Amino acid sequence: MQKSLGELAEYVGGEVRGDAQCRISAVATLQAAGPGQISFLANRRYARHLPDTRASAVILGAQDAASCPVNALVVANPYLAYARIAGLLTPHQHLPGAIHPGAVIDATASIDASCHIGACCVVEAGAVLERGVTLAPGCYIGRNVRLGTGSRLSPGVSIYHDVVIGPRAIIHSGAVIGADGFGFANDHGRWVKVPQLGRVIIGADVEVGANTTIDRGALDDTLIGEGVKLDNQIQIAHNVHIGPHTAIAACVAIAGSTVIGRFCAIGGAAGIAGHLEICDNVQVTAMSLVSKSINKPGVYSSSLQAEDHLKWKKKLARLGRLEDIAERLSALEKQLTDKG
């Protein structure tokens, strides 16, 4: 697809500085872009590459427009404009409705004629695939699953029984949705499995990353709100509720029955304990441990940055002496109070 810079400016609500008739057919980085391509500057660390760019145009903020050596598309949010333009220039190709002869489809499954089902897929009894669903080769769809309009599953996705997925979902390879939650009762040292009887309900426009797992509820359902974005290798335990438009980065682990609000952002490798609540508009930074509920919007951290090993050992040694220091300080305060 090819668009004029003026058309792109109208599409994202930006201003052209330069040739509005310049033709753009692809996106690229500032360093790699060439004629016919548009780049963007959203992070100040890459501003050093702007003077030498060979792009036909650059998406940037007003503060950088004067130093742009090529055509400029000036917007309030360069990264957002880049995302929308990249999507426009490289649209998803919808595959025609077809069922591969190597797919195994139960006779009671309801599949819209516009669905595309690849080789070696299995669709169990009672499953419903709405208009425009795409299953890449090797997907498993359990009994009574419902896949919403336009949902796209990459190779090797497994959807267990009774899961409901809203329209326009994107689910990447290796994702497992609806497996049993980790529920066991202890009988004098032996573990007795607790049946996991709930479902997973996923809203519209959700993306699930590769090898991410979402467990079904024990009794009530696990709920993923509309617009939620899940990165790769995330573990979401049974009965977790995630509010609409929350984004969670890779390797996060969320324990059972935790409720996360709307518009939250959870950094990579964070750990969230079970049976707690996180309110709306909370940002948890990478590698943090959330062990109690958060009821006030804001940014929360608990991890320590890496540093020189010897410096870290000295700090760790000081941390080990904090209890002794606190006791001595309390004793000194008591002495001063008694003398007063």
Protein backbone atom coordinates (compact mmCIF):
# COMPACT_ATOMS: atom_id res chain seq x y z
CA MET A 1 0.00 0.00 0.00
CA GLN A 2 1.21 3.51 -0.83
CA LYS A 3 -0.02 6.82 0.55
CA SER A 4 0.97 10.45 0.21
CA LEU A 5 2.42 12.15 3.26
CA GLY A 6 -0.60 14.45 3.21
CA GLU A 7 -2.97 11.48 3.38
CA LEU A 8 -1.03 10.06 6.30
CA ALA A 9 -1.16 13.42 8.08
CA GLU A 10 -4.93 13.50 7.68
CA TYR A 11 -5.18 9.91 8.92
CA VAL A 12 -3.33 10.63 12.19
CA GLY A 13 -4.32 14.27 12.65
CA GLY A 14 -0.83 15.66 12.06
CA GLU A 15 0.80 18.55 10.20
CA VAL A 16 3.08 18.20 7.17
CA ARG A 17 6.20 20.31 6.99
CA GLY A 18 7.63 19.76 3.53
CA ASP A 19 6.22 17.97 0.50
CA ALA A 20 2.70 16.71 1.23
CA GLN A 21 2.72 14.77 -2.09
CA CYS A 22 5.70 12.66 -1.06
CA ARG A 23 4.79 8.98 -1.55
CA ILE A 24 5.22 6.58 1.38
CA SER A 25 4.96 2.81 1.14
CA ALA A 26 6.64 1.44 4.28
CA VAL A 27 7.99 2.25 7.75
CA ALA A 28 11.56 1.83 9.02
CA THR A 29 13.95 3.04 11.72
CA LEU A 30 15.80 6.33 11.44
CA GLN A 31 19.04 4.47 10.75
CA ALA A 32 17.70 1.99 8.18
CA ALA A 33 15.04 4.00 6.33
CA GLY A 34 15.45 4.93 2.69
CA PRO A 35 13.42 6.62 -0.07
CA GLY A 36 9.71 5.86 0.08
CA GLN A 37 9.85 5.00 3.77
CA ILE A 38 8.71 6.92 6.83
CA SER A 39 10.45 6.77 10.19
CA PHE A 40 9.67 8.20 13.63
CA LEU A 41 11.39 9.84 16.59
CA ALA A 42 9.64 9.07 19.88
CA ASN A 43 12.61 8.44 22.20
CA ARG A 44 15.19 11.17 22.78
CA ARG A 45 17.98 8.57 22.88
CA TYR A 46 17.61 8.17 19.11
CA ALA A 47 17.66 11.89 18.26
CA ARG A 48 21.33 11.58 17.26
CA HIS A 49 20.25 9.56 14.21
CA LEU A 50 17.88 12.25 12.90
CA PRO A 51 20.44 14.43 11.03
CA ASP A 52 21.67 11.50 8.93
CA THR A 53 18.39 9.76 8.16
CA ARG A 54 17.64 8.88 4.55
CA ALA A 55 13.90 8.45 5.14
CA SER A 56 11.50 10.30 2.88
CA ALA A 57 9.73 11.59 6.00
CA VAL A 58 9.91 11.39 9.78
CA ILE A 59 7.09 11.37 12.34
CA LEU A 60 8.10 13.57 15.27
CA GLY A 61 7.01 16.16 17.80
CA ALA A 62 7.01 19.91 17.23
CA GLN A 63 10.17 20.33 19.34
CA ASP A 64 12.19 18.29 16.82
CA ALA A 65 10.70 19.58 13.58
CA ALA A 66 13.25 22.34 13.03
CA SER A 67 16.17 19.88 13.07
CA CYS A 68 14.55 17.39 10.70
CA PRO A 69 16.53 17.27 7.39
CA VAL A 70 13.65 15.66 5.43
CA ASN A 71 9.90 15.98 5.23
CA ALA A 72 8.31 16.02 8.67
CA LEU A 73 4.96 14.79 9.94
CA VAL A 74 4.44 16.71 13.19
CA VAL A 75 2.12 15.11 15.76
CA ALA A 76 1.51 15.26 19.50
CA ASN A 77 2.33 11.57 20.03
CA PRO A 78 4.89 10.27 17.49
CA TYR A 79 4.83 6.66 18.67
CA LEU A 80 1.05 6.43 18.49
CA ALA A 81 1.06 7.99 15.00
CA TYR A 82 3.76 5.53 13.93
CA ALA A 83 1.67 2.59 15.18
CA ARG A 84 -1.38 3.72 13.24
CA ILE A 85 0.55 4.44 10.05
CA ALA A 86 2.39 1.11 10.25
CA GLY A 87 -0.96 -0.65 10.58
CA LEU A 88 -2.36 1.25 7.62
CA LEU A 89 0.61 0.53 5.33
CA THR A 90 0.91 -3.15 6.31
CA PRO A 91 -2.65 -4.38 6.89
CA HIS A 92 -3.39 -7.92 8.00
CA GLN A 93 -4.19 -10.20 5.08
CA HIS A 94 -7.50 -11.96 5.64
CA LEU A 95 -7.42 -15.53 4.38
CA PRO A 96 -10.40 -16.79 2.39
CA GLY A 97 -12.94 -19.05 4.05
CA ALA A 98 -11.72 -22.65 3.82
CA ILE A 99 -11.23 -25.79 5.92
CA HIS A 100 -8.08 -27.81 5.29
CA PRO A 101 -8.83 -31.48 4.57
CA GLY A 102 -6.42 -32.40 7.34
CA ALA A 103 -8.48 -30.59 10.00
CA VAL A 104 -10.73 -32.60 12.33
CA ILE A 105 -14.09 -30.89 12.87
CA ASP A 106 -16.88 -32.31 15.03
CA ALA A 107 -20.22 -32.45 13.23
CA THR A 108 -21.91 -30.39 15.97
CA ALA A 109 -19.44 -27.49 15.73
CA SER A 110 -20.82 -24.28 14.21
CA ILE A 111 -18.35 -22.69 11.81
CA ASP A 112 -19.13 -19.62 9.73
CA ALA A 113 -18.39 -20.06 6.03
CA SER A 114 -15.86 -17.19 6.18
CA CYS A 115 -13.61 -18.98 8.70
CA HIS A 116 -10.20 -20.25 7.65
CA ILE A 117 -9.05 -23.45 9.39
CA GLY A 118 -5.54 -24.76 8.75
CA ALA A 119 -4.07 -28.24 8.65
CA CYS A 120 -4.14 -30.46 11.74
CA CYS A 121 -6.57 -28.25 13.65
CA VAL A 122 -9.10 -29.93 15.95
CA VAL A 123 -12.50 -28.37 16.67
CA GLU A 124 -14.53 -30.24 19.28
CA ALA A 125 -18.30 -30.67 19.76
CA GLY A 126 -20.42 -27.57 20.27
CA ALA A 127 -17.68 -25.10 19.45
CA VAL A 128 -18.77 -21.89 17.70
CA LEU A 129 -16.46 -20.01 15.34
CA GLU A 130 -17.96 -16.69 14.33
CA ARG A 131 -17.41 -14.79 11.11
CA GLY A 132 -13.83 -14.39 9.88
CA VAL A 133 -12.09 -16.51 12.51
CA THR A 134 -8.65 -17.80 11.44
CA LEU A 135 -7.04 -20.91 12.92
CA ALA A 136 -3.44 -21.46 11.83
CA PRO A 137 -2.25 -25.09 11.60
CA GLY A 138 -2.21 -27.16 14.75
CA CYS A 139 -4.75 -25.29 16.87
CA TYR A 140 -6.98 -27.14 19.35
CA ILE A 141 -10.48 -25.78 20.09
CA GLY A 142 -12.25 -27.61 22.92
CA ARG A 143 -15.93 -28.39 23.30
CA ASN A 144 -18.37 -25.50 23.59
CA VAL A 145 -15.68 -22.88 22.98
CA ARG A 146 -16.85 -19.64 21.36
CA LEU A 147 -14.43 -17.59 19.24
CA GLY A 148 -15.59 -14.08 18.39
CA THR A 149 -15.71 -12.43 15.00
CA GLY A 150 -12.35 -11.84 13.34
CA SER A 151 -10.26 -13.61 15.98
CA ARG A 152 -6.88 -14.92 14.80
CA LEU A 153 -5.04 -17.84 16.36
CA SER A 154 -1.41 -18.55 15.46
CA PRO A 155 -0.05 -22.11 15.10
CA GLY A 156 -0.28 -24.38 18.11
CA VAL A 157 -2.78 -22.51 20.28
CA SER A 158 -4.82 -24.62 22.73
CA ILE A 159 -8.24 -23.45 23.92
CA TYR A 160 -9.79 -25.76 26.52
CA HIS A 161 -13.52 -26.45 26.88
CA ASP A 162 -16.15 -23.75 27.56
CA VAL A 163 -13.80 -20.80 27.05
CA VAL A 164 -15.42 -17.67 25.56
CA ILE A 165 -13.23 -15.30 23.53
CA GLY A 166 -14.55 -11.97 22.24
CA PRO A 167 -14.20 -10.48 18.78
CA ARG A 168 -10.90 -9.56 17.14
CA ALA A 169 -8.70 -11.50 19.56
CA ILE A 170 -5.09 -12.16 18.55
CA ILE A 171 -3.62 -15.24 20.22
CA HIS A 172 -0.02 -16.21 19.55
CA SER A 173 1.62 -19.62 19.30
CA GLY A 174 1.84 -21.83 22.35
CA ALA A 175 -0.80 -19.96 24.34
CA VAL A 176 -2.96 -22.20 26.54
CA ILE A 177 -6.30 -20.81 27.66
CA GLY A 178 -8.56 -22.68 30.06
CA ALA A 179 -6.19 -25.22 31.63
CA ASP A 180 -6.89 -26.21 35.24
CA GLY A 181 -5.88 -23.79 37.93
CA PHE A 182 -3.44 -24.86 40.64
CA GLY A 183 -5.96 -26.08 43.20
CA PHE A 184 -5.18 -28.81 45.74
CA ALA A 185 -6.30 -29.65 49.28
CA ASN A 186 -3.85 -31.21 51.71
CA ASP A 187 -4.80 -34.51 53.31
CA HIS A 188 -2.09 -35.26 55.90
CA GLY A 189 0.71 -34.51 53.45
CA ARG A 190 -0.97 -35.84 50.32
CA TRP A 191 -2.51 -33.53 47.74
CA VAL A 192 -6.12 -33.94 46.64
CA LYS A 193 -7.06 -32.19 43.40
CA VAL A 194 -9.80 -29.55 43.60
CA PRO A 195 -11.91 -29.71 40.41
CA GLN A 196 -11.63 -26.51 38.38
CA LEU A 197 -15.22 -25.87 37.30
CA GLY A 198 -15.16 -22.28 36.09
CA ARG A 199 -14.39 -20.88 32.65
CA VAL A 200 -12.18 -18.24 31.06
CA ILE A 201 -14.07 -15.27 29.61
CA ILE A 202 -12.06 -12.90 27.39
CA GLY A 203 -13.41 -9.58 26.10
CA ALA A 204 -13.07 -7.88 22.73
CA ASP A 205 -9.75 -6.80 21.17
CA VAL A 206 -7.52 -8.77 23.54
CA GLU A 207 -4.05 -9.92 22.48
CA VAL A 208 -2.39 -12.91 24.16
CA GLY A 209 1.35 -13.44 23.69
CA ALA A 210 3.24 -16.62 22.85
CA ASN A 211 3.32 -19.30 25.57
CA THR A 212 1.11 -17.29 27.88
CA THR A 213 -1.24 -19.35 30.04
CA ILE A 214 -4.63 -18.33 31.45
CA ASP A 215 -6.16 -20.82 33.90
CA ARG A 216 -9.87 -21.49 34.19
CA GLY A 217 -11.69 -20.55 37.38
CA ALA A 218 -12.11 -22.94 40.28
CA LEU A 219 -15.83 -22.11 40.64
CA ASP A 220 -16.31 -18.60 39.26
CA ASP A 221 -14.75 -17.56 35.94
CA THR A 222 -11.36 -16.07 35.17
CA LEU A 223 -12.11 -12.74 33.46
CA ILE A 224 -9.94 -10.78 31.01
CA GLY A 225 -11.46 -7.39 30.08
CA GLU A 226 -11.70 -5.80 26.66
CA GLY A 227 -8.56 -4.33 25.15
CA VAL A 228 -6.20 -6.13 27.55
CA LYS A 229 -2.73 -6.75 26.07
CA LEU A 230 -0.72 -9.70 27.38
CA ASP A 231 2.92 -10.23 26.43
CA ASN A 232 4.71 -13.58 26.10
CA GLN A 233 5.15 -16.15 28.89
CA ILE A 234 2.69 -14.70 31.40
CA GLN A 235 0.98 -16.92 33.98
CA ILE A 236 -2.55 -15.92 35.00
CA ALA A 237 -3.97 -18.18 37.70
CA HIS A 238 -7.55 -19.22 38.38
CA ASN A 239 -10.23 -16.63 39.17
CA VAL A 240 -8.02 -13.65 38.30
CA HIS A 241 -9.90 -10.60 37.01
CA ILE A 242 -8.04 -8.13 34.77
CA GLY A 243 -9.78 -4.86 33.96
CA PRO A 244 -10.18 -3.38 30.47
CA HIS A 245 -7.16 -1.92 28.65
CA THR A 246 -4.56 -3.12 31.13
CA ALA A 247 -1.18 -4.09 29.61
CA ILE A 248 1.09 -6.75 31.14
CA ALA A 249 4.67 -7.36 30.02
CA ALA A 250 6.52 -10.67 29.67
CA CYS A 251 7.09 -13.22 32.45
CA VAL A 252 4.65 -11.69 34.93
CA ALA A 253 3.06 -14.21 37.33
CA ILE A 254 -0.35 -13.43 38.84
CA ALA A 255 -1.58 -15.71 41.63
CA GLY A 256 -5.16 -16.83 42.05
CA SER A 257 -8.20 -14.64 42.79
CA THR A 258 -6.32 -11.37 42.29
CA VAL A 259 -8.27 -8.44 40.85
CA ILE A 260 -6.42 -5.92 38.68
CA GLY A 261 -8.18 -2.72 37.63
CA ARG A 262 -8.56 -0.80 34.39
CA PHE A 263 -5.75 0.99 32.52
CA CYS A 264 -2.97 -0.59 34.59
CA ALA A 265 0.54 -1.38 33.33
CA ILE A 266 2.53 -4.26 34.84
CA GLY A 267 6.25 -4.38 34.05
CA GLY A 268 8.14 -7.50 33.00
CA ALA A 269 8.80 -10.32 35.51
CA ALA A 270 6.69 -8.71 38.23
CA GLY A 271 5.12 -11.10 40.75
CA ILE A 272 1.62 -10.48 42.11
CA ALA A 273 0.44 -12.46 45.12
CA GLY A 274 -3.03 -13.95 45.31
CA HIS A 275 -6.30 -12.70 46.81
CA LEU A 276 -5.43 -9.01 46.57
CA GLU A 277 -6.76 -6.04 44.60
CA ILE A 278 -5.00 -3.46 42.47
CA CYS A 279 -7.08 -0.38 41.66
CA ASP A 280 -7.36 1.40 38.31
CA ASN A 281 -4.46 3.36 36.78
CA VAL A 282 -1.63 1.63 38.62
CA GLN A 283 1.82 1.10 37.11
CA VAL A 284 4.00 -1.64 38.60
CA THR A 285 7.62 -1.44 37.44
CA ALA A 286 9.61 -4.44 36.22
CA MET A 287 10.74 -7.15 38.68
CA SER A 288 8.54 -5.80 41.48
CA LEU A 289 6.75 -8.00 44.03
CA VAL A 290 3.20 -6.96 44.90
CA SER A 291 2.31 -8.70 48.18
CA LYS A 292 -0.58 -6.55 49.35
CA SER A 293 -3.46 -4.65 47.77
CA ILE A 294 -2.92 -1.28 46.09
CA ASN A 295 -5.84 1.12 46.48
CA LYS A 296 -4.34 4.35 45.19
CA PRO A 297 -3.36 5.08 41.54
CA GLY A 298 0.32 5.68 40.89
CA VAL A 299 3.67 4.03 40.19
CA TYR A 300 4.87 1.23 42.48
CA SER A 301 8.30 -0.43 42.63
CA SER A 302 10.12 -2.92 44.85
CA SER A 303 13.10 -4.15 42.84
CA LEU A 304 16.72 -2.99 43.12
CA GLN A 305 18.81 -2.13 40.09
CA ALA A 306 21.93 -4.14 39.29
CA GLU A 307 25.26 -2.55 40.23
CA ASP A 308 28.90 -3.42 40.91
CA HIS A 309 29.05 -6.69 42.87
CA LEU A 310 31.25 -5.37 45.69
CA LYS A 311 28.99 -2.36 46.21
CA TRP A 312 25.99 -4.67 46.31
CA LYS A 313 27.65 -6.90 48.95
CA LYS A 314 28.35 -3.87 51.15
CA LYS A 315 24.73 -2.71 50.86
CA LEU A 316 23.48 -6.19 51.65
CA ALA A 317 25.69 -6.32 54.73
CA ARG A 318 24.26 -3.00 55.90
CA LEU A 319 20.74 -4.29 55.36
CA GLY A 320 21.56 -7.23 57.62
CA ARG A 321 22.50 -4.82 60.43
CA LEU A 322 19.36 -2.67 60.19
CA GLU A 323 17.50 -4.57 62.93
CA ASP A 324 20.39 -4.10 65.36
CA ILE A 325 20.68 -0.41 64.46
CA ALA A 326 16.92 0.05 64.94
CA GLU A 327 17.05 -1.57 68.42
CA ARG A 328 19.98 0.63 69.46
CA LEU A 329 18.22 3.73 68.19
CA SER A 330 15.06 2.83 70.12
CA ALA A 331 17.10 2.33 73.27
CA LEU A 332 18.80 5.71 72.78
CA GLU A 333 15.47 7.45 72.25
CA LYS A 334 14.16 5.87 75.44
CA GLN A 335 17.18 7.12 77.38
CA LEU A 336 16.70 10.66 76.06
CA THR A 337 12.99 10.53 76.90
CA ASP A 338 13.70 9.31 80.44
CA LYS A 339 16.25 12.10 81.01
CA GLY A 340 13.81 14.67 79.65
